[in-house]
Amino acid sequence: MASGKERLMRGWLELTEQYVEEYAARGLSPKTIKRVDSELGFWVRWVHSRRPRPAPEEVDADLIVRYVRHRTAFKSKVTVASVMSTLRGLGTFLVREGVWEANPLRWMRGPKMDVRRRVPRRLNAEAMGRLWEAAATCPQPYRRHLWLAVLGLLYGTGARRGELVRMDVEDWVADEGLVLLDGQKTGWPRRVPLPALAGQCLAAYLEAREEHLAELGVRDEPALLINRWGGRLKGEDLSRGVKRLAKRANVEELTVHWFRHTCASDLLEAGASVAEVQEMLGHRAICTTIRYLDVADPQRQRAAELHPINAMLGEETADE
């Protein structure tokens, strides 16, 4: 027969497992689900180490505050907010299951953060040009077409790395010039128009892809981006390939996500509205898109150019 301590531990484990199953049913990415599951594991182990061990229904706000302080000591505000968000979701589930009468975390305020302070990194036109040149000069024909298509998709659509490697051939709607992105991270799939140049690169890649698969004797492979062995290109392969291109192009260390930042920033500079960029990138909250205004804000730049101080400086220069 299980002891009282074992029953308490099993009770917490069963509840958190049920919550993770429900959370996973939202269609989020495996990486996100794994992060939440791992965070809840920290919580269960910490509760289990308390003396006396509290039952799920005995947890109160004071105990939660103690845990958050323990878990986030010397951590960033982002970590604090992430921990509280995960526990808040668990609390909502426990209230719905009748374990808690109320969710204490509903009224707990997390750290005040301004997403605009985290200025996204972007690629300038010169670096982007060198990357395209490096891809276009790959000696192996298939790899040349592959990386030109990758650059076109990353920069042309602002796709996340996971969205790109999960794409199948059928997700390219050539007649409409659209690509279908699953939006697994946010549960928000979207149809994104592909610029003409990127579409040409993708069309040329698809021809090279068919020849590559025929040489390997591989059939019925649904993946859009495939590796040298004819299987789906993994996220790690994509990152390594982009880093190799950057090295050949003599471009500073970068990540795949920089293309997403660059796409958003350049669209805003070209006159696209924040709402249009939000829809294209699949941001749930517009405040996530607004941070790109600190990187690209043509209206603010034009206003600065019209400032009266410019005329004053011009007069002083003439007097000299």
C-alpha atoms as a PDB file:
ATOM      1  CA  MET A   1       0.000   0.000   0.000  1.00  0.00           C
ATOM      2  CA  ALA A   2       1.333   3.442  -0.913  1.00  0.00           C
ATOM      3  CA  SER A   3       2.293   5.728   1.936  1.00  0.00           C
ATOM      4  CA  GLY A   4       0.787   9.174   2.435  1.00  0.00           C
ATOM      5  CA  LYS A   5       3.926  10.780   1.047  1.00  0.00           C
ATOM      6  CA  GLU A   6       3.784   8.614  -2.085  1.00  0.00           C
ATOM      7  CA  ARG A   7       0.098   9.444  -2.582  1.00  0.00           C
ATOM      8  CA  LEU A   8       0.860  13.162  -2.368  1.00  0.00           C
ATOM      9  CA  MET A   9       3.662  12.867  -4.889  1.00  0.00           C
ATOM     10  CA  ARG A  10       1.556  10.778  -7.245  1.00  0.00           C
ATOM     11  CA  GLY A  11      -1.292  13.263  -6.917  1.00  0.00           C
ATOM     12  CA  TRP A  12       0.918  16.143  -8.068  1.00  0.00           C
ATOM     13  CA  LEU A  13       2.438  14.086 -10.873  1.00  0.00           C
ATOM     14  CA  GLU A  14      -0.964  12.990 -12.174  1.00  0.00           C
ATOM     15  CA  LEU A  15      -2.309  16.536 -12.119  1.00  0.00           C
ATOM     16  CA  THR A  16       0.673  18.036 -13.918  1.00  0.00           C
ATOM     17  CA  GLU A  17       0.670  15.217 -16.480  1.00  0.00           C
ATOM     18  CA  GLN A  18      -3.025  15.849 -17.165  1.00  0.00           C
ATOM     19  CA  TYR A  19      -2.341  19.554 -17.574  1.00  0.00           C
ATOM     20  CA  VAL A  20       0.568  18.957 -19.978  1.00  0.00           C
ATOM     21  CA  GLU A  21      -1.621  16.628 -22.061  1.00  0.00           C
ATOM     22  CA  GLU A  22      -4.295  19.314 -22.253  1.00  0.00           C
ATOM     23  CA  TYR A  23      -1.649  21.935 -23.037  1.00  0.00           C
ATOM     24  CA  ALA A  24      -0.171  19.798 -25.816  1.00  0.00           C
ATOM     25  CA  ALA A  25      -3.631  19.382 -27.378  1.00  0.00           C
ATOM     26  CA  ARG A  26      -3.489  23.069 -28.327  1.00  0.00           C
ATOM     27  CA  GLY A  27      -1.112  22.105 -31.142  1.00  0.00           C
ATOM     28  CA  LEU A  28       1.928  23.941 -29.811  1.00  0.00           C
ATOM     29  CA  SER A  29       5.473  22.992 -30.760  1.00  0.00           C
ATOM     30  CA  PRO A  30       7.159  20.024 -29.017  1.00  0.00           C
ATOM     31  CA  LYS A  31       9.865  22.402 -27.780  1.00  0.00           C
ATOM     32  CA  THR A  32       7.293  24.619 -26.033  1.00  0.00           C
ATOM     33  CA  ILE A  33       5.524  21.624 -24.516  1.00  0.00           C
ATOM     34  CA  LYS A  34       8.829  20.215 -23.299  1.00  0.00           C
ATOM     35  CA  ARG A  35       9.688  23.535 -21.641  1.00  0.00           C
ATOM     36  CA  VAL A  36       6.383  23.647 -19.765  1.00  0.00           C
ATOM     37  CA  ASP A  37       6.685  19.999 -18.742  1.00  0.00           C
ATOM     38  CA  SER A  38      10.222  20.622 -17.466  1.00  0.00           C
ATOM     39  CA  GLU A  39       9.141  23.702 -15.511  1.00  0.00           C
ATOM     40  CA  LEU A  40       6.318  21.807 -13.848  1.00  0.00           C
ATOM     41  CA  GLY A  41       8.823  19.095 -12.956  1.00  0.00           C
ATOM     42  CA  PHE A  42      10.786  21.689 -10.963  1.00  0.00           C
ATOM     43  CA  TRP A  43       7.596  22.662  -9.171  1.00  0.00           C
ATOM     44  CA  VAL A  44       6.610  19.083  -8.282  1.00  0.00           C
ATOM     45  CA  ARG A  45      10.080  18.258  -6.942  1.00  0.00           C
ATOM     46  CA  TRP A  46      10.162  21.447  -4.874  1.00  0.00           C
ATOM     47  CA  VAL A  47       6.715  20.783  -3.361  1.00  0.00           C
ATOM     48  CA  HIS A  48       7.763  17.216  -2.641  1.00  0.00           C
ATOM     49  CA  SER A  49      10.784  18.491  -0.684  1.00  0.00           C
ATOM     50  CA  ARG A  50       8.645  20.628   1.664  1.00  0.00           C
ATOM     51  CA  ARG A  51       8.113  19.567   5.268  1.00  0.00           C
ATOM     52  CA  PRO A  52       5.329  18.761   5.764  1.00  0.00           C
ATOM     53  CA  ARG A  53       4.470  17.938   2.171  1.00  0.00           C
ATOM     54  CA  PRO A  54       1.390  19.887   1.105  1.00  0.00           C
ATOM     55  CA  ALA A  55      -1.432  18.200  -0.771  1.00  0.00           C
ATOM     56  CA  PRO A  56      -2.476  19.898  -4.023  1.00  0.00           C
ATOM     57  CA  GLU A  57      -5.537  21.449  -2.390  1.00  0.00           C
ATOM     58  CA  GLU A  58      -3.425  22.826   0.485  1.00  0.00           C
ATOM     59  CA  VAL A  59      -1.164  25.029  -1.639  1.00  0.00           C
ATOM     60  CA  ASP A  60      -1.697  28.730  -0.972  1.00  0.00           C
ATOM     61  CA  ALA A  61      -0.329  32.014  -2.272  1.00  0.00           C
ATOM     62  CA  ASP A  62       2.460  32.172   0.309  1.00  0.00           C
ATOM     63  CA  LEU A  63       3.853  28.801  -0.784  1.00  0.00           C
ATOM     64  CA  ILE A  64       3.735  29.816  -4.448  1.00  0.00           C
ATOM     65  CA  VAL A  65       5.584  33.060  -3.705  1.00  0.00           C
ATOM     66  CA  ARG A  66       8.263  31.109  -1.839  1.00  0.00           C
ATOM     67  CA  TYR A  67       8.694  28.796  -4.810  1.00  0.00           C
ATOM     68  CA  VAL A  68       8.902  31.615  -7.347  1.00  0.00           C
ATOM     69  CA  ARG A  69      11.557  33.336  -5.230  1.00  0.00           C
ATOM     70  CA  HIS A  70      13.507  30.081  -4.971  1.00  0.00           C
ATOM     71  CA  ARG A  71      13.167  29.203  -8.665  1.00  0.00           C
ATOM     72  CA  THR A  72      14.018  32.633 -10.036  1.00  0.00           C
ATOM     73  CA  ALA A  73      16.808  33.741  -7.692  1.00  0.00           C
ATOM     74  CA  PHE A  74      19.461  35.592  -9.742  1.00  0.00           C
ATOM     75  CA  LYS A  75      17.450  34.942 -12.917  1.00  0.00           C
ATOM     76  CA  SER A  76      16.321  37.444 -15.546  1.00  0.00           C
ATOM     77  CA  LYS A  77      12.898  39.070 -15.700  1.00  0.00           C
ATOM     78  CA  VAL A  78      12.092  36.904 -18.692  1.00  0.00           C
ATOM     79  CA  THR A  79      12.655  33.754 -16.609  1.00  0.00           C
ATOM     80  CA  VAL A  80      10.519  35.095 -13.765  1.00  0.00           C
ATOM     81  CA  ALA A  81       7.690  35.885 -16.173  1.00  0.00           C
ATOM     82  CA  SER A  82       7.975  32.449 -17.812  1.00  0.00           C
ATOM     83  CA  VAL A  83       7.810  30.619 -14.454  1.00  0.00           C
ATOM     84  CA  MET A  84       4.795  32.620 -13.342  1.00  0.00           C
ATOM     85  CA  SER A  85       3.047  32.120 -16.682  1.00  0.00           C
ATOM     86  CA  THR A  86       3.504  28.339 -16.487  1.00  0.00           C
ATOM     87  CA  LEU A  87       2.221  28.175 -12.903  1.00  0.00           C
ATOM     88  CA  ARG A  88      -0.677  30.489 -13.757  1.00  0.00           C
ATOM     89  CA  GLY A  89      -1.755  28.091 -16.482  1.00  0.00           C
ATOM     90  CA  LEU A  90      -1.524  25.155 -14.076  1.00  0.00           C
ATOM     91  CA  GLY A  91      -3.558  27.115 -11.528  1.00  0.00           C
ATOM     92  CA  THR A  92      -6.325  27.759 -14.043  1.00  0.00           C
ATOM     93  CA  PHE A  93      -6.423  24.036 -14.776  1.00  0.00           C
ATOM     94  CA  LEU A  94      -6.578  23.147 -11.057  1.00  0.00           C
ATOM     95  CA  VAL A  95      -9.483  25.530 -10.513  1.00  0.00           C
ATOM     96  CA  ARG A  96     -11.341  23.985 -13.432  1.00  0.00           C
ATOM     97  CA  GLU A  97     -10.693  20.516 -12.006  1.00  0.00           C
ATOM     98  CA  GLY A  98     -12.055  21.584  -8.612  1.00  0.00           C
ATOM     99  CA  VAL A  99      -8.705  21.128  -6.822  1.00  0.00           C
ATOM    100  CA  TRP A 100      -8.346  24.854  -6.048  1.00  0.00           C
ATOM    101  CA  GLU A 101     -11.180  27.229  -5.271  1.00  0.00           C
ATOM    102  CA  ALA A 102      -9.245  30.143  -6.771  1.00  0.00           C
ATOM    103  CA  ASN A 103      -6.007  30.670  -8.670  1.00  0.00           C
ATOM    104  CA  PRO A 104      -3.657  32.788  -6.478  1.00  0.00           C
ATOM    105  CA  LEU A 105      -1.441  33.538  -9.466  1.00  0.00           C
ATOM    106  CA  ARG A 106      -4.272  35.292 -11.234  1.00  0.00           C
ATOM    107  CA  TRP A 107      -3.697  38.326  -9.027  1.00  0.00           C
ATOM    108  CA  MET A 108       0.097  38.088  -8.794  1.00  0.00           C
ATOM    109  CA  ARG A 109       1.883  40.590 -10.978  1.00  0.00           C
ATOM    110  CA  GLY A 110       4.993  39.505 -12.798  1.00  0.00           C
ATOM    111  CA  PRO A 111       8.010  41.704 -13.483  1.00  0.00           C
ATOM    112  CA  LYS A 112       7.356  44.778 -15.587  1.00  0.00           C
ATOM    113  CA  MET A 113       8.949  44.269 -18.975  1.00  0.00           C
ATOM    114  CA  ASP A 114       9.005  46.349 -22.130  1.00  0.00           C
ATOM    115  CA  VAL A 115       9.490  44.106 -25.158  1.00  0.00           C
ATOM    116  CA  ARG A 116      10.797  47.113 -27.096  1.00  0.00           C
ATOM    117  CA  ARG A 117      13.897  47.148 -24.897  1.00  0.00           C
ATOM    118  CA  ARG A 118      14.981  43.872 -26.499  1.00  0.00           C
ATOM    119  CA  VAL A 119      16.017  45.325 -29.825  1.00  0.00           C
ATOM    120  CA  PRO A 120      15.956  42.606 -32.519  1.00  0.00           C
ATOM    121  CA  ARG A 121      19.134  41.902 -34.436  1.00  0.00           C
ATOM    122  CA  ARG A 122      18.914  42.378 -38.181  1.00  0.00           C
ATOM    123  CA  LEU A 123      21.033  42.012 -41.293  1.00  0.00           C
ATOM    124  CA  ASN A 124      21.919  45.059 -43.357  1.00  0.00           C
ATOM    125  CA  ALA A 125      21.668  45.116 -47.146  1.00  0.00           C
ATOM    126  CA  GLU A 126      25.382  44.531 -47.651  1.00  0.00           C
ATOM    127  CA  ALA A 127      25.460  41.435 -45.435  1.00  0.00           C
ATOM    128  CA  MET A 128      22.312  40.097 -47.056  1.00  0.00           C
ATOM    129  CA  GLY A 129      23.851  40.545 -50.507  1.00  0.00           C
ATOM    130  CA  ARG A 130      26.990  38.653 -49.494  1.00  0.00           C
ATOM    131  CA  LEU A 131      24.897  35.770 -48.168  1.00  0.00           C
ATOM    132  CA  TRP A 132      23.001  35.489 -51.448  1.00  0.00           C
ATOM    133  CA  GLU A 133      26.255  35.587 -53.371  1.00  0.00           C
ATOM    134  CA  ALA A 134      27.714  32.831 -51.167  1.00  0.00           C
ATOM    135  CA  ALA A 135      24.650  30.660 -51.790  1.00  0.00           C
ATOM    136  CA  ALA A 136      24.744  31.323 -55.544  1.00  0.00           C
ATOM    137  CA  THR A 137      28.379  30.201 -55.763  1.00  0.00           C
ATOM    138  CA  CYS A 138      27.989  26.858 -53.978  1.00  0.00           C
ATOM    139  CA  PRO A 139      29.869  24.366 -56.173  1.00  0.00           C
ATOM    140  CA  GLN A 140      27.339  21.549 -55.786  1.00  0.00           C
ATOM    141  CA  PRO A 141      24.208  22.275 -57.895  1.00  0.00           C
ATOM    142  CA  TYR A 142      21.622  20.840 -55.514  1.00  0.00           C
ATOM    143  CA  ARG A 143      23.046  22.681 -52.504  1.00  0.00           C
ATOM    144  CA  ARG A 144      23.172  25.891 -54.525  1.00  0.00           C
ATOM    145  CA  HIS A 145      19.455  25.697 -55.311  1.00  0.00           C
ATOM    146  CA  LEU A 146      18.625  24.556 -51.775  1.00  0.00           C
ATOM    147  CA  TRP A 147      20.291  27.475 -50.008  1.00  0.00           C
ATOM    148  CA  LEU A 148      18.999  30.062 -52.458  1.00  0.00           C
ATOM    149  CA  ALA A 149      15.492  28.746 -51.761  1.00  0.00           C
ATOM    150  CA  VAL A 150      16.139  28.771 -48.006  1.00  0.00           C
ATOM    151  CA  LEU A 151      17.307  32.395 -48.072  1.00  0.00           C
ATOM    152  CA  GLY A 152      14.307  33.369 -50.180  1.00  0.00           C
ATOM    153  CA  LEU A 153      11.855  31.684 -47.814  1.00  0.00           C
ATOM    154  CA  LEU A 154      13.467  32.978 -44.623  1.00  0.00           C
ATOM    155  CA  TYR A 155      13.745  36.575 -45.753  1.00  0.00           C
ATOM    156  CA  GLY A 156      10.698  36.604 -48.001  1.00  0.00           C
ATOM    157  CA  THR A 157       8.202  35.251 -45.464  1.00  0.00           C
ATOM    158  CA  GLY A 158       9.763  35.841 -42.034  1.00  0.00           C
ATOM    159  CA  ALA A 159       9.116  32.174 -41.250  1.00  0.00           C
ATOM    160  CA  ARG A 160      10.382  30.648 -38.021  1.00  0.00           C
ATOM    161  CA  ARG A 161      12.953  27.881 -38.325  1.00  0.00           C
ATOM    162  CA  GLY A 162      10.506  25.189 -37.241  1.00  0.00           C
ATOM    163  CA  GLU A 163       7.823  26.413 -39.618  1.00  0.00           C
ATOM    164  CA  LEU A 164      10.262  26.212 -42.510  1.00  0.00           C
ATOM    165  CA  VAL A 165      11.559  22.685 -41.891  1.00  0.00           C
ATOM    166  CA  ARG A 166       8.022  21.369 -41.309  1.00  0.00           C
ATOM    167  CA  MET A 167       6.850  22.617 -44.704  1.00  0.00           C
ATOM    168  CA  ASP A 168       5.831  20.020 -47.255  1.00  0.00           C
ATOM    169  CA  VAL A 169       5.876  20.403 -51.037  1.00  0.00           C
ATOM    170  CA  GLU A 170       2.102  20.829 -51.018  1.00  0.00           C
ATOM    171  CA  ASP A 171       2.483  23.905 -48.779  1.00  0.00           C
ATOM    172  CA  TRP A 172       3.730  25.871 -51.790  1.00  0.00           C
ATOM    173  CA  VAL A 173       0.688  27.115 -53.708  1.00  0.00           C
ATOM    174  CA  ALA A 174       2.421  28.141 -56.922  1.00  0.00           C
ATOM    175  CA  ASP A 175      -0.733  29.354 -58.709  1.00  0.00           C
ATOM    176  CA  GLU A 176      -1.355  31.923 -55.981  1.00  0.00           C
ATOM    177  CA  GLY A 177       2.274  32.579 -55.058  1.00  0.00           C
ATOM    178  CA  LEU A 178       1.603  31.613 -51.436  1.00  0.00           C
ATOM    179  CA  VAL A 179       3.297  29.433 -48.839  1.00  0.00           C
ATOM    180  CA  LEU A 180       1.351  27.810 -46.018  1.00  0.00           C
ATOM    181  CA  LEU A 181       3.006  28.008 -42.590  1.00  0.00           C
ATOM    182  CA  ASP A 182       1.620  25.861 -39.782  1.00  0.00           C
ATOM    183  CA  GLY A 183       2.158  28.441 -36.991  1.00  0.00           C
ATOM    184  CA  GLN A 184       2.645  25.581 -34.569  1.00  0.00           C
ATOM    185  CA  LYS A 185       4.278  27.799 -31.944  1.00  0.00           C
ATOM    186  CA  THR A 186       1.216  30.022 -31.570  1.00  0.00           C
ATOM    187  CA  GLY A 187      -1.497  27.771 -32.982  1.00  0.00           C
ATOM    188  CA  TRP A 188      -2.064  30.363 -35.735  1.00  0.00           C
ATOM    189  CA  PRO A 189      -1.487  28.908 -39.245  1.00  0.00           C
ATOM    190  CA  ARG A 190      -1.175  31.485 -41.998  1.00  0.00           C
ATOM    191  CA  ARG A 191      -0.914  31.956 -45.766  1.00  0.00           C
ATOM    192  CA  VAL A 192       2.005  34.200 -46.688  1.00  0.00           C
ATOM    193  CA  PRO A 193       2.664  35.646 -50.161  1.00  0.00           C
ATOM    194  CA  LEU A 194       6.133  34.888 -51.480  1.00  0.00           C
ATOM    195  CA  PRO A 195       8.006  37.685 -53.316  1.00  0.00           C
ATOM    196  CA  ALA A 196       8.649  37.028 -57.005  1.00  0.00           C
ATOM    197  CA  LEU A 197      12.416  36.525 -56.687  1.00  0.00           C
ATOM    198  CA  ALA A 198      11.978  34.080 -53.813  1.00  0.00           C
ATOM    199  CA  GLY A 199       9.321  32.267 -55.841  1.00  0.00           C
ATOM    200  CA  GLN A 200      11.752  31.863 -58.754  1.00  0.00           C
ATOM    201  CA  CYS A 201      14.394  30.449 -56.401  1.00  0.00           C
ATOM    202  CA  LEU A 202      11.855  28.017 -54.976  1.00  0.00           C
ATOM    203  CA  ALA A 203      10.709  26.873 -58.432  1.00  0.00           C
ATOM    204  CA  ALA A 204      14.319  26.227 -59.495  1.00  0.00           C
ATOM    205  CA  TYR A 205      14.949  24.362 -56.244  1.00  0.00           C
ATOM    206  CA  LEU A 206      11.940  22.087 -56.769  1.00  0.00           C
ATOM    207  CA  GLU A 207      13.344  20.966 -60.113  1.00  0.00           C
ATOM    208  CA  ALA A 208      16.736  20.274 -58.515  1.00  0.00           C
ATOM    209  CA  ARG A 209      14.957  18.478 -55.668  1.00  0.00           C
ATOM    210  CA  GLU A 210      13.227  16.079 -58.049  1.00  0.00           C
ATOM    211  CA  GLU A 211      16.513  15.270 -59.795  1.00  0.00           C
ATOM    212  CA  HIS A 212      18.226  14.774 -56.422  1.00  0.00           C
ATOM    213  CA  LEU A 213      15.545  12.369 -55.199  1.00  0.00           C
ATOM    214  CA  ALA A 214      15.605  10.469 -58.498  1.00  0.00           C
ATOM    215  CA  GLU A 215      19.376   9.968 -58.201  1.00  0.00           C
ATOM    216  CA  LEU A 216      18.899   8.643 -54.655  1.00  0.00           C
ATOM    217  CA  GLY A 217      15.975   6.428 -55.638  1.00  0.00           C
ATOM    218  CA  VAL A 218      13.750   8.084 -53.017  1.00  0.00           C
ATOM    219  CA  ARG A 219      10.026   8.336 -53.701  1.00  0.00           C
ATOM    220  CA  ASP A 220       7.024   9.886 -51.969  1.00  0.00           C
ATOM    221  CA  GLU A 221       9.040  12.221 -49.768  1.00  0.00           C
ATOM    222  CA  PRO A 222       6.620  14.989 -48.687  1.00  0.00           C
ATOM    223  CA  ALA A 223       9.187  17.353 -47.127  1.00  0.00           C
ATOM    224  CA  LEU A 224       9.891  20.528 -49.057  1.00  0.00           C
ATOM    225  CA  LEU A 225      13.470  20.931 -47.855  1.00  0.00           C
ATOM    226  CA  ILE A 226      15.479  17.717 -47.996  1.00  0.00           C
ATOM    227  CA  ASN A 227      19.031  16.805 -47.019  1.00  0.00           C
ATOM    228  CA  ARG A 228      21.712  15.027 -49.031  1.00  0.00           C
ATOM    229  CA  TRP A 229      20.194  11.620 -48.188  1.00  0.00           C
ATOM    230  CA  GLY A 230      16.697  12.553 -49.325  1.00  0.00           C
ATOM    231  CA  GLY A 231      15.137  13.005 -45.889  1.00  0.00           C
ATOM    232  CA  ARG A 232      13.568  16.029 -44.287  1.00  0.00           C
ATOM    233  CA  LEU A 233      16.032  18.774 -43.408  1.00  0.00           C
ATOM    234  CA  LYS A 234      16.154  19.223 -39.616  1.00  0.00           C
ATOM    235  CA  GLY A 235      16.258  22.499 -37.756  1.00  0.00           C
ATOM    236  CA  GLU A 236      19.831  21.868 -36.657  1.00  0.00           C
ATOM    237  CA  ASP A 237      20.863  21.211 -40.269  1.00  0.00           C
ATOM    238  CA  LEU A 238      19.271  24.478 -41.324  1.00  0.00           C
ATOM    239  CA  SER A 239      21.119  26.439 -38.639  1.00  0.00           C
ATOM    240  CA  ARG A 240      24.462  24.831 -39.487  1.00  0.00           C
ATOM    241  CA  GLY A 241      23.979  25.496 -43.185  1.00  0.00           C
ATOM    242  CA  VAL A 242      23.174  29.167 -42.616  1.00  0.00           C
ATOM    243  CA  LYS A 243      26.217  29.541 -40.358  1.00  0.00           C
ATOM    244  CA  ARG A 244      28.433  27.989 -43.062  1.00  0.00           C
ATOM    245  CA  LEU A 245      27.039  30.446 -45.591  1.00  0.00           C
ATOM    246  CA  ALA A 246      27.730  33.304 -43.194  1.00  0.00           C
ATOM    247  CA  LYS A 247      31.311  32.148 -42.763  1.00  0.00           C
ATOM    248  CA  ARG A 248      31.844  31.950 -46.521  1.00  0.00           C
ATOM    249  CA  ALA A 249      30.275  35.380 -46.942  1.00  0.00           C
ATOM    250  CA  ASN A 250      32.387  36.880 -44.164  1.00  0.00           C
ATOM    251  CA  VAL A 251      29.253  37.887 -42.261  1.00  0.00           C
ATOM    252  CA  GLU A 252      29.323  38.118 -38.469  1.00  0.00           C
ATOM    253  CA  GLU A 253      27.855  35.298 -36.412  1.00  0.00           C
ATOM    254  CA  LEU A 254      24.102  35.128 -36.960  1.00  0.00           C
ATOM    255  CA  THR A 255      21.112  32.888 -36.320  1.00  0.00           C
ATOM    256  CA  VAL A 256      18.268  31.801 -38.568  1.00  0.00           C
ATOM    257  CA  HIS A 257      15.919  34.030 -36.551  1.00  0.00           C
ATOM    258  CA  TRP A 258      17.784  37.141 -37.709  1.00  0.00           C
ATOM    259  CA  PHE A 259      16.116  36.737 -41.107  1.00  0.00           C
ATOM    260  CA  ARG A 260      12.727  37.003 -39.405  1.00  0.00           C
ATOM    261  CA  HIS A 261      13.822  40.196 -37.656  1.00  0.00           C
ATOM    262  CA  THR A 262      15.218  41.575 -40.896  1.00  0.00           C
ATOM    263  CA  CYS A 263      12.037  40.751 -42.807  1.00  0.00           C
ATOM    264  CA  ALA A 264       9.884  42.606 -40.255  1.00  0.00           C
ATOM    265  CA  SER A 265      12.191  45.619 -40.015  1.00  0.00           C
ATOM    266  CA  ASP A 266      12.596  45.993 -43.770  1.00  0.00           C
ATOM    267  CA  LEU A 267       8.834  45.722 -44.343  1.00  0.00           C
ATOM    268  CA  LEU A 268       8.208  48.524 -41.857  1.00  0.00           C
ATOM    269  CA  GLU A 269      10.891  50.663 -43.486  1.00  0.00           C
ATOM    270  CA  ALA A 270       9.243  50.035 -46.868  1.00  0.00           C
ATOM    271  CA  GLY A 271       5.949  51.420 -45.535  1.00  0.00           C
ATOM    272  CA  ALA A 272       4.048  48.302 -44.433  1.00  0.00           C
ATOM    273  CA  SER A 273       1.788  48.864 -41.427  1.00  0.00           C
ATOM    274  CA  VAL A 274       2.404  47.242 -38.058  1.00  0.00           C
ATOM    275  CA  ALA A 275      -0.845  45.284 -38.426  1.00  0.00           C
ATOM    276  CA  GLU A 276       0.237  43.905 -41.814  1.00  0.00           C
ATOM    277  CA  VAL A 277       3.603  42.808 -40.437  1.00  0.00           C
ATOM    278  CA  GLN A 278       1.895  41.267 -37.397  1.00  0.00           C
ATOM    279  CA  GLU A 279      -0.329  39.163 -39.638  1.00  0.00           C
ATOM    280  CA  MET A 280       2.551  38.105 -41.875  1.00  0.00           C
ATOM    281  CA  LEU A 281       4.811  37.036 -39.009  1.00  0.00           C
ATOM    282  CA  GLY A 282       1.998  35.397 -37.034  1.00  0.00           C
ATOM    283  CA  HIS A 283       2.393  37.427 -33.833  1.00  0.00           C
ATOM    284  CA  ARG A 284      -0.501  36.866 -31.441  1.00  0.00           C
ATOM    285  CA  ALA A 285       0.015  40.235 -29.723  1.00  0.00           C
ATOM    286  CA  ILE A 286       0.723  43.421 -31.658  1.00  0.00           C
ATOM    287  CA  CYS A 287       3.110  44.555 -28.905  1.00  0.00           C
ATOM    288  CA  THR A 288       5.514  41.876 -30.152  1.00  0.00           C
ATOM    289  CA  THR A 289       5.520  43.514 -33.576  1.00  0.00           C
ATOM    290  CA  ILE A 290       5.791  47.047 -32.200  1.00  0.00           C
ATOM    291  CA  ARG A 291       9.309  46.396 -30.921  1.00  0.00           C
ATOM    292  CA  TYR A 292      10.520  46.414 -34.527  1.00  0.00           C
ATOM    293  CA  LEU A 293       9.672  50.112 -34.688  1.00  0.00           C
ATOM    294  CA  ASP A 294      12.776  50.740 -32.592  1.00  0.00           C
ATOM    295  CA  VAL A 295      14.775  49.187 -35.433  1.00  0.00           C
ATOM    296  CA  ALA A 296      12.861  50.549 -38.412  1.00  0.00           C
ATOM    297  CA  ASP A 297      10.744  53.674 -38.096  1.00  0.00           C
ATOM    298  CA  PRO A 298      10.745  55.701 -41.329  1.00  0.00           C
ATOM    299  CA  GLN A 299       8.212  58.221 -39.976  1.00  0.00           C
ATOM    300  CA  ARG A 300      10.421  59.040 -37.027  1.00  0.00           C
ATOM    301  CA  GLN A 301      13.455  59.341 -39.303  1.00  0.00           C
ATOM    302  CA  ARG A 302      11.628  61.746 -41.635  1.00  0.00           C
ATOM    303  CA  ALA A 303      10.478  63.788 -38.646  1.00  0.00           C
ATOM    304  CA  ALA A 304      14.063  64.096 -37.443  1.00  0.00           C
ATOM    305  CA  GLU A 305      15.161  65.262 -40.882  1.00  0.00           C
ATOM    306  CA  LEU A 306      12.518  68.021 -40.813  1.00  0.00           C
ATOM    307  CA  HIS A 307      13.488  69.253 -37.347  1.00  0.00           C
ATOM    308  CA  PRO A 308      14.218  73.047 -37.344  1.00  0.00           C
ATOM    309  CA  ILE A 309      17.631  72.423 -35.816  1.00  0.00           C
ATOM    310  CA  ASN A 310      18.825  71.196 -39.217  1.00  0.00           C
ATOM    311  CA  ALA A 311      18.153  74.631 -40.737  1.00  0.00           C
ATOM    312  CA  MET A 312      19.861  76.327 -37.799  1.00  0.00           C
ATOM    313  CA  LEU A 313      22.953  74.199 -38.284  1.00  0.00           C
ATOM    314  CA  GLY A 314      22.917  74.970 -41.978  1.00  0.00           C
ATOM    315  CA  GLU A 315      22.880  78.712 -41.305  1.00  0.00           C
ATOM    316  CA  GLU A 316      25.759  78.415 -38.855  1.00  0.00           C
ATOM    317  CA  THR A 317      27.791  76.448 -41.401  1.00  0.00           C
ATOM    318  CA  ALA A 318      27.140  79.119 -44.054  1.00  0.00           C
ATOM    319  CA  ASP A 319      28.248  81.876 -41.677  1.00  0.00           C
ATOM    320  CA  GLU A 320      31.543  80.101 -41.070  1.00  0.00           C
END
